[in-house]
Protein backbone atom coordinates (compact mmCIF):
# COMPACT_ATOMS: atom_id res chain seq x y z
CA MET A 1 11.73 162.55 314.42
CA PRO A 2 11.44 165.14 311.22
CA GLN A 3 13.63 168.06 313.38
CA PRO A 4 17.50 165.68 313.76
CA PHE A 5 17.05 164.21 310.12
CA HIS A 6 17.22 167.88 308.65
CA ARG A 7 19.90 168.17 311.13
CA ALA A 8 22.38 165.74 309.72
CA ARG A 9 21.11 166.67 306.48
CA ALA A 10 22.59 170.18 306.77
CA ALA A 11 25.66 168.88 308.81
CA LEU A 12 25.85 166.53 305.39
CA ALA A 13 25.70 169.25 302.96
CA LEU A 14 27.88 172.05 305.69
CA ALA A 15 30.57 168.84 305.01
CA SER A 16 30.24 168.14 301.65
CA ALA A 17 30.13 172.14 300.60
CA ALA A 18 33.40 172.13 302.35
CA ILE A 19 35.44 169.67 300.57
CA LEU A 20 33.92 171.14 297.42
CA LEU A 21 35.98 174.45 298.45
CA SER A 22 38.97 172.67 299.77
CA ALA A 23 39.33 171.29 296.33
CA CYS A 24 38.82 175.06 294.48
CA ALA A 25 41.90 177.51 294.70
CA SER A 26 42.58 179.66 297.48
CA PHE A 27 44.13 183.17 297.33
CA PRO A 28 46.75 184.30 300.38
CA HIS A 29 46.33 182.78 304.04
CA ASP A 30 44.58 179.07 302.33
CA ALA A 31 41.29 181.29 302.41
CA PRO A 32 39.28 179.27 299.84
CA ILE A 33 37.89 181.10 296.31
CA ALA A 34 34.51 179.30 295.55
CA GLY A 35 34.26 182.01 293.06
CA LEU A 36 34.13 186.36 292.64
CA ARG A 37 30.62 188.61 292.96
CA LEU A 38 31.04 191.45 291.16
CA ILE A 39 30.79 194.69 293.54
CA GLY A 40 30.21 196.66 291.10
CA GLU A 41 31.78 199.09 287.81
CA GLN A 42 33.23 202.25 287.46
CA ARG A 43 34.53 204.13 284.56
CA ILE A 44 37.14 206.48 283.50
CA ALA A 45 36.35 209.06 280.74
CA LEU A 46 37.43 209.14 277.91
CA LYS A 47 41.24 210.80 277.51
CA GLN A 48 40.86 212.66 280.76
CA ALA A 49 43.05 215.23 281.63
CA PHE A 50 45.16 215.20 284.75
CA GLU A 51 48.10 217.15 286.34
CA GLY A 52 48.99 217.44 282.32
CA THR A 53 48.93 214.24 281.05
CA THR A 54 46.29 212.01 278.97
CA VAL A 55 44.65 209.28 281.27
CA GLY A 56 44.29 206.31 278.87
CA GLY A 57 45.96 203.12 278.19
CA LEU A 58 45.45 201.30 281.46
CA SER A 59 47.10 198.01 280.98
CA GLY A 60 47.97 197.47 284.78
CA ILE A 61 46.99 197.53 288.21
CA ASP A 62 47.93 196.85 291.84
CA TYR A 63 47.11 197.15 295.60
CA ASP A 64 49.71 199.75 297.96
CA ALA A 65 48.64 198.16 301.04
CA ALA A 66 51.28 200.38 303.09
CA ASN A 67 49.94 203.65 301.25
CA LYS A 68 46.51 202.11 300.98
CA SER A 69 46.35 203.53 297.24
CA TRP A 70 46.10 201.97 293.90
CA VAL A 71 48.64 202.14 291.42
CA MET A 72 47.59 202.18 287.49
CA GLU A 73 50.16 202.04 284.89
CA SER A 74 49.60 203.35 280.97
CA ASP A 75 50.89 201.78 278.37
CA ASP A 76 51.16 204.97 276.71
CA ARG A 77 54.65 204.24 274.62
CA SER A 78 55.90 207.72 275.28
CA GLU A 79 53.51 209.39 272.48
CA ILE A 80 51.28 211.02 273.64
CA ASN A 81 53.03 211.78 277.84
CA PRO A 82 56.01 210.04 279.00
CA ALA A 83 55.48 206.88 280.35
CA ARG A 84 53.98 206.63 283.68
CA PHE A 85 51.93 205.54 286.17
CA TYR A 86 48.79 206.92 288.37
CA ARG A 87 47.85 206.80 291.91
CA ALA A 88 44.00 206.61 292.90
CA ALA A 89 41.75 205.73 295.53
CA LEU A 90 39.17 202.97 294.83
CA ASN A 91 36.18 203.80 297.12
CA TYR A 92 33.91 200.52 297.30
CA ASP A 93 32.81 198.07 300.05
CA SER A 94 30.83 195.27 299.47
CA LYS A 95 27.60 196.78 298.62
CA ALA A 96 28.70 198.98 296.07
CA PHE A 97 31.70 200.78 293.94
CA THR A 98 31.00 204.43 294.08
CA GLY A 99 33.91 206.38 292.99
CA VAL A 100 37.74 206.92 291.08
CA THR A 101 40.08 209.51 292.31
CA LEU A 102 42.92 209.79 290.68
CA ASN A 103 45.64 211.85 293.14
CA SER A 104 48.63 211.86 291.44
CA VAL A 105 50.87 211.25 288.07
CA HIS A 106 54.22 209.40 288.22
CA PHE A 107 56.85 209.22 285.39
CA PHE A 108 58.83 206.02 285.04
CA THR A 109 62.96 206.62 284.63
CA GLN A 110 65.33 205.08 282.44
CA PRO A 111 69.07 203.96 283.73
CA ASP A 112 70.37 207.27 282.88
CA GLY A 113 67.24 209.29 284.91
CA SER A 114 65.54 210.64 281.98
CA ARG A 115 62.28 209.77 281.19
CA TYR A 116 61.08 207.14 278.41
CA PRO A 117 61.16 208.77 274.64
CA ASN A 118 58.83 207.61 272.23
CA LEU A 119 60.34 206.05 268.75
CA ALA A 120 61.15 209.05 267.03
CA HIS A 121 63.43 210.41 269.53
CA ALA A 122 64.73 207.10 271.09
CA LYS A 123 68.61 206.99 270.90
CA LEU A 124 68.55 203.44 270.30
CA ASP A 125 72.31 203.35 269.47
CA GLN A 126 72.91 204.50 272.93
CA GLY A 127 70.69 202.40 274.84
CA ASP A 128 67.38 204.16 274.94
CA GLN A 129 64.68 201.67 275.23
CA VAL A 130 61.33 202.54 273.56
CA PRO A 131 58.37 201.61 276.32
CA ASP A 132 55.05 199.13 275.90
CA ILE A 133 54.62 198.78 279.98
CA GLU A 134 51.88 196.26 280.08
CA THR A 135 52.20 195.28 284.10
CA ILE A 136 53.13 196.45 287.36
CA ARG A 137 53.70 195.33 290.79
CA VAL A 138 54.15 197.01 294.19
CA ASP A 139 56.69 194.97 296.08
CA PRO A 140 55.22 193.58 299.15
CA GLN A 141 58.44 193.85 301.32
CA ASP A 142 59.25 197.89 300.38
CA GLY A 143 56.69 199.72 298.52
CA SER A 144 58.95 199.77 295.78
CA LEU A 145 57.44 198.70 292.24
CA TRP A 146 58.43 196.23 289.43
CA TYR A 147 57.12 196.50 285.87
CA GLY A 148 57.20 194.46 282.28
CA SER A 149 57.55 195.85 278.83
CA GLU A 150 56.87 194.34 276.08
CA GLY A 151 59.78 195.62 273.64
CA ASN A 152 59.41 196.36 269.99
CA ARG A 153 60.51 192.98 267.54
CA LYS A 154 60.25 195.63 264.66
CA VAL A 155 63.39 198.01 265.82
CA GLY A 156 64.78 195.51 267.96
CA LEU A 157 64.36 195.84 271.77
CA HIS A 158 64.06 192.95 273.52
CA PRO A 159 60.98 192.58 276.19
CA PHE A 160 62.11 193.83 279.91
CA VAL A 161 61.36 193.48 283.57
CA ARG A 162 62.77 196.14 285.63
CA HIS A 163 62.48 197.42 289.44
CA ALA A 164 62.33 200.97 290.66
CA ASP A 165 61.98 202.91 294.01
CA SER A 166 57.80 204.25 294.46
CA GLY A 167 57.96 207.33 292.32
CA GLY A 168 59.13 205.78 289.21
CA HIS A 169 62.84 205.62 289.37
CA TYR A 170 65.15 203.08 288.38
CA LEU A 171 66.59 200.82 290.56
CA ALA A 172 67.41 198.04 288.20
CA THR A 173 66.94 195.22 285.40
CA LEU A 174 65.38 191.90 286.35
CA PRO A 175 67.06 189.12 284.09
CA THR A 176 65.19 187.20 282.04
CA PRO A 177 65.70 183.48 279.73
CA ALA A 178 67.65 184.50 276.45
CA MET A 179 64.47 182.18 274.89
CA PHE A 180 62.28 185.95 275.34
CA LYS A 181 64.60 187.78 273.32
CA VAL A 182 63.42 189.21 270.09
CA SER A 183 65.08 187.95 266.82
CA GLN A 184 65.58 188.39 263.23
CA GLU A 185 64.60 184.97 262.78
CA GLU A 186 61.03 183.23 263.94
CA THR A 187 62.31 182.19 266.79
CA GLY A 188 61.53 184.56 270.84
CA SER A 189 59.05 186.84 271.58
CA ARG A 190 56.43 187.74 268.65
CA ASN A 191 55.98 191.38 268.39
CA ASN A 192 53.62 193.03 270.88
CA MET A 193 52.86 189.62 272.33
CA SER A 194 55.71 189.29 274.82
CA PHE A 195 55.63 190.61 278.98
CA GLU A 196 52.12 191.21 279.56
CA ALA A 197 51.68 189.36 282.99
CA LEU A 198 53.52 189.96 286.16
CA SER A 199 52.99 188.97 290.10
CA PHE A 200 54.72 188.08 292.92
CA SER A 201 54.50 184.93 294.72
CA SER A 202 52.15 184.88 297.35
CA ASP A 203 55.33 184.98 299.32
CA GLY A 204 56.62 187.81 297.97
CA LYS A 205 60.02 186.12 297.45
CA SER A 206 59.78 185.55 293.91
CA LEU A 207 58.17 186.45 290.73
CA TRP A 208 56.10 185.10 288.18
CA LEU A 209 56.25 186.52 284.78
CA GLY A 210 53.46 185.24 281.96
CA MET A 211 53.67 185.60 278.37
CA GLU A 212 51.01 187.12 276.40
CA ALA A 213 51.22 184.51 273.13
CA ALA A 214 53.39 182.10 272.19
CA LEU A 215 57.27 182.30 271.25
CA TYR A 216 57.73 181.50 267.97
CA GLN A 217 59.37 177.97 268.71
CA ASP A 218 56.58 176.74 270.58
CA GLY A 219 53.58 176.95 268.08
CA PRO A 220 51.51 178.79 266.63
CA LEU A 221 48.59 181.43 268.12
CA ALA A 222 45.14 180.76 268.90
CA THR A 223 42.71 180.92 266.89
CA PRO A 224 38.76 180.27 266.31
CA ASP A 225 39.75 176.80 265.63
CA ASN A 226 42.53 175.99 268.15
CA GLY A 227 43.83 177.04 271.72
CA SER A 228 47.84 177.89 272.17
CA VAL A 229 50.50 177.50 274.64
CA VAL A 230 52.39 180.26 276.40
CA ARG A 231 55.40 179.91 278.92
CA ILE A 232 54.77 181.24 282.42
CA THR A 233 58.16 181.79 284.66
CA ARG A 234 59.19 181.25 288.39
CA LEU A 235 62.42 183.87 288.54
CA ASP A 236 63.58 184.59 292.14
CA ARG A 237 64.38 188.63 292.82
CA ALA A 238 67.93 187.95 291.07
CA GLY A 239 66.19 186.32 287.68
CA THR A 240 67.41 182.86 288.51
CA VAL A 241 64.62 180.79 286.66
CA LEU A 242 63.07 178.42 289.49
CA ARG A 243 60.53 177.11 287.47
CA GLN A 244 58.80 177.50 284.08
CA TYR A 245 55.28 175.89 282.98
CA ALA A 246 53.28 175.27 279.57
CA TYR A 247 49.90 177.40 280.11
CA PRO A 248 47.03 176.03 277.41
CA ILE A 249 45.11 179.18 275.78
CA GLU A 250 41.51 178.33 274.90
CA ALA A 251 40.51 178.94 271.51
CA VAL A 252 39.00 182.21 270.24
CA ALA A 253 35.55 182.64 271.76
CA SER A 254 33.99 184.13 268.43
CA ARG A 255 34.75 184.48 264.70
CA PRO A 256 36.02 187.58 263.24
CA ALA A 257 34.29 188.93 260.11
CA PRO A 258 36.23 188.14 257.02
CA GLY A 259 39.72 189.94 256.32
CA ARG A 260 39.80 190.65 260.05
CA GLU A 261 41.50 189.58 263.13
CA ALA A 262 40.72 187.61 266.09
CA ASP A 263 43.22 186.84 268.88
CA ASN A 264 43.54 185.42 272.45
CA GLY A 265 46.11 185.82 274.95
CA VAL A 266 46.76 186.12 278.57
CA SER A 267 46.62 189.70 279.29
CA GLU A 268 47.81 189.22 283.44
CA ILE A 269 47.99 187.09 286.10
CA LEU A 270 47.87 187.01 290.27
CA ALA A 271 49.65 184.32 292.39
CA VAL A 272 47.21 182.61 294.50
CA ASN A 273 49.31 180.55 296.68
CA ASP A 274 52.51 178.49 295.92
CA HIS A 275 51.30 176.59 293.35
CA GLN A 276 48.27 178.25 291.82
CA VAL A 277 48.21 181.74 289.33
CA LEU A 278 44.80 183.55 288.52
CA VAL A 279 44.96 184.31 284.20
CA VAL A 280 43.20 186.38 282.60
CA GLU A 281 42.74 185.17 279.26
CA ARG A 282 41.15 187.58 277.33
CA ALA A 283 40.07 187.91 273.37
CA GLY A 284 39.38 190.70 270.98
CA VAL A 285 37.49 189.84 267.94
CA GLU A 286 37.12 192.38 264.99
CA HIS A 287 33.87 192.73 263.24
CA ALA A 288 33.30 193.89 260.10
CA ASP A 289 32.92 197.77 260.85
CA GLY A 290 36.60 197.52 262.70
CA VAL A 291 35.08 197.85 266.27
CA TYR A 292 36.47 194.72 268.39
CA SER A 293 34.32 192.53 270.73
CA ASN A 294 36.02 191.16 273.87
CA HIS A 295 35.48 187.57 275.64
CA VAL A 296 37.21 187.86 278.95
CA ARG A 297 37.72 184.81 281.33
CA ILE A 298 39.93 184.34 284.56
CA TYR A 299 41.16 180.69 285.10
CA ALA A 300 42.45 179.52 288.22
CA MET A 301 46.00 177.68 286.71
CA ASP A 302 47.54 174.78 288.88
CA THR A 303 51.59 173.63 288.08
CA ASP A 304 51.16 170.83 290.74
CA GLY A 305 52.36 167.76 288.19
CA ALA A 306 52.97 170.25 285.64
CA THR A 307 55.84 169.43 283.81
CA ASP A 308 59.21 172.23 284.27
CA ILE A 309 60.16 173.11 280.87
CA GLN A 310 62.34 175.63 281.64
CA SER A 311 65.32 173.49 279.39
CA MET A 312 63.28 173.09 276.46
CA PRO A 313 64.16 174.96 273.69
CA ALA A 314 60.88 174.58 271.83
CA LEU A 315 57.42 172.98 272.97
CA ALA A 316 56.07 172.60 269.01
CA GLY A 317 56.37 168.83 268.97
CA ALA A 318 57.69 168.35 272.80
CA LYS A 319 55.67 165.89 275.28
CA TYR A 320 55.29 167.51 278.20
CA VAL A 321 52.24 168.28 280.84
CA PRO A 322 50.60 171.39 280.96
CA ALA A 323 49.36 172.91 283.75
CA ARG A 324 45.82 172.42 284.53
CA LYS A 325 43.45 174.82 284.78
CA ARG A 326 39.90 175.54 285.95
CA LEU A 327 37.49 178.32 284.99
CA LEU A 328 37.02 180.49 288.08
CA LEU A 329 34.50 183.20 285.79
CA ASP A 330 33.71 184.22 282.88
CA LEU A 331 33.02 187.95 282.73
CA GLU A 332 30.23 187.29 279.70
CA LYS A 333 27.97 185.72 282.25
CA ILE A 334 28.18 188.73 284.79
CA GLY A 335 25.50 190.57 284.04
CA LEU A 336 27.84 193.88 282.90
CA ALA A 337 27.17 195.94 279.81
CA ARG A 338 29.72 195.27 277.87
CA ILE A 339 33.21 193.94 278.50
CA ASP A 340 36.29 195.61 277.25
CA ASN A 341 39.77 195.07 277.01
CA ILE A 342 40.63 193.89 280.65
CA GLU A 343 44.44 193.41 281.08
CA GLY A 344 45.03 194.21 284.63
CA ILE A 345 44.12 192.45 287.79
CA SER A 346 44.63 192.55 291.59
CA TRP A 347 44.46 191.53 295.23
CA GLY A 348 42.64 194.70 296.97
CA PRO A 349 41.61 195.38 300.35
CA ARG A 350 39.64 193.20 303.21
CA LEU A 351 35.93 193.95 302.81
CA GLU A 352 34.02 194.81 305.88
CA ASN A 353 32.69 191.50 306.21
CA GLY A 354 36.08 189.90 306.21
CA ARG A 355 36.14 189.27 303.00
CA ARG A 356 39.19 189.76 300.44
CA SER A 357 38.27 191.68 297.60
CA LEU A 358 39.83 191.43 293.80
CA VAL A 359 39.77 194.63 290.95
CA MET A 360 40.06 194.47 287.06
CA ILE A 361 41.02 197.16 285.18
CA SER A 362 40.68 197.71 280.86
CA ASP A 363 42.71 199.22 278.61
CA ASP A 364 41.00 201.20 276.42
CA ASN A 365 43.96 201.93 273.88
CA PHE A 366 43.00 205.12 274.06
CA ASN A 367 40.61 204.70 271.53
CA PRO A 368 37.00 206.16 271.32
CA GLN A 369 35.26 203.08 271.02
CA GLN A 370 36.85 201.55 274.44
CA VAL A 371 36.33 202.24 278.04
CA THR A 372 38.52 202.76 280.99
CA GLN A 373 36.23 200.19 283.28
CA ILE A 374 37.03 199.29 287.07
CA LEU A 375 35.41 196.44 288.50
CA ALA A 376 35.14 195.37 291.97
CA PHE A 377 34.38 192.14 293.10
CA GLU A 378 34.26 190.23 296.49
CA VAL A 379 36.32 187.20 297.02
CA LEU A 380 33.78 184.41 298.14
């Protein structure tokens, strides 16, 4: 008698687990995500020299499945070396993350074929852009690259998304909504808080574009007492807006020292399926000595039932239904010795056990008080 009872109870438990999992976010091919398990961590040394460049500021990462390589871009504003990205190999399986190997460096180019200049050498009146490249994606259709730059509000440079070949050579600029342009007035994008996040849709036919922080007209920034809101937009490959949603940002998780800074914003996104997107919320909190601590959480955003806000010029005071969100992972609770400025997230290849992998990377800002950490996860 006990044995059939235990079998029935086990079957019921499995059925309940299946129901719970089916309610969770799912990655491409509709396999459910129950969570992320840390495989391991590797670091790249501060200001490591590689092929005549200084490695650092790695704020975007993506996996090039066709070439079995990783693409990692630097947000160096062409001040140390011209705007660039690296191709690398990450050596991990389900048991361990054993190494990172840089294989090549490539420089982004402007429409005229020249490399991006820094602000001191830019000819702004002739159309030069000063790069602040924060996100990069490999096109699943042909292996070309798409990347986003935050622009520079202080000198009137708008944020942009551009398309390049696999070597970084300019192909086209993606039209983006006028509401994101910088302005002399307090409207549009805030300085250094605009196009931070980019992802192809799960079917590869469109792009998700995420703002780091609220537009001026959408409300104040996040504080330790209050959250904020950002716009996450879905566009087709020609730049037509398909949908746009309000994503609610959490309040900053701790308080800065008196007179010091703290913020929380979206540092990257990653499409899961047609209506779900992973969102990296990264908060930086400054201590009295000027050193920052970071709070990093991964949320699953769900747009089902949310208002399409693309026709709303301002969200402050407006009525709308924001996207829903669910906490998937709090990096402070997985046993890491430290958490740095996580700004990149990407799906990786399948592990030998058949499960998907996921990788995150931090931007060290070329700062000796920070580290470049690469984290590999198993998708459960």
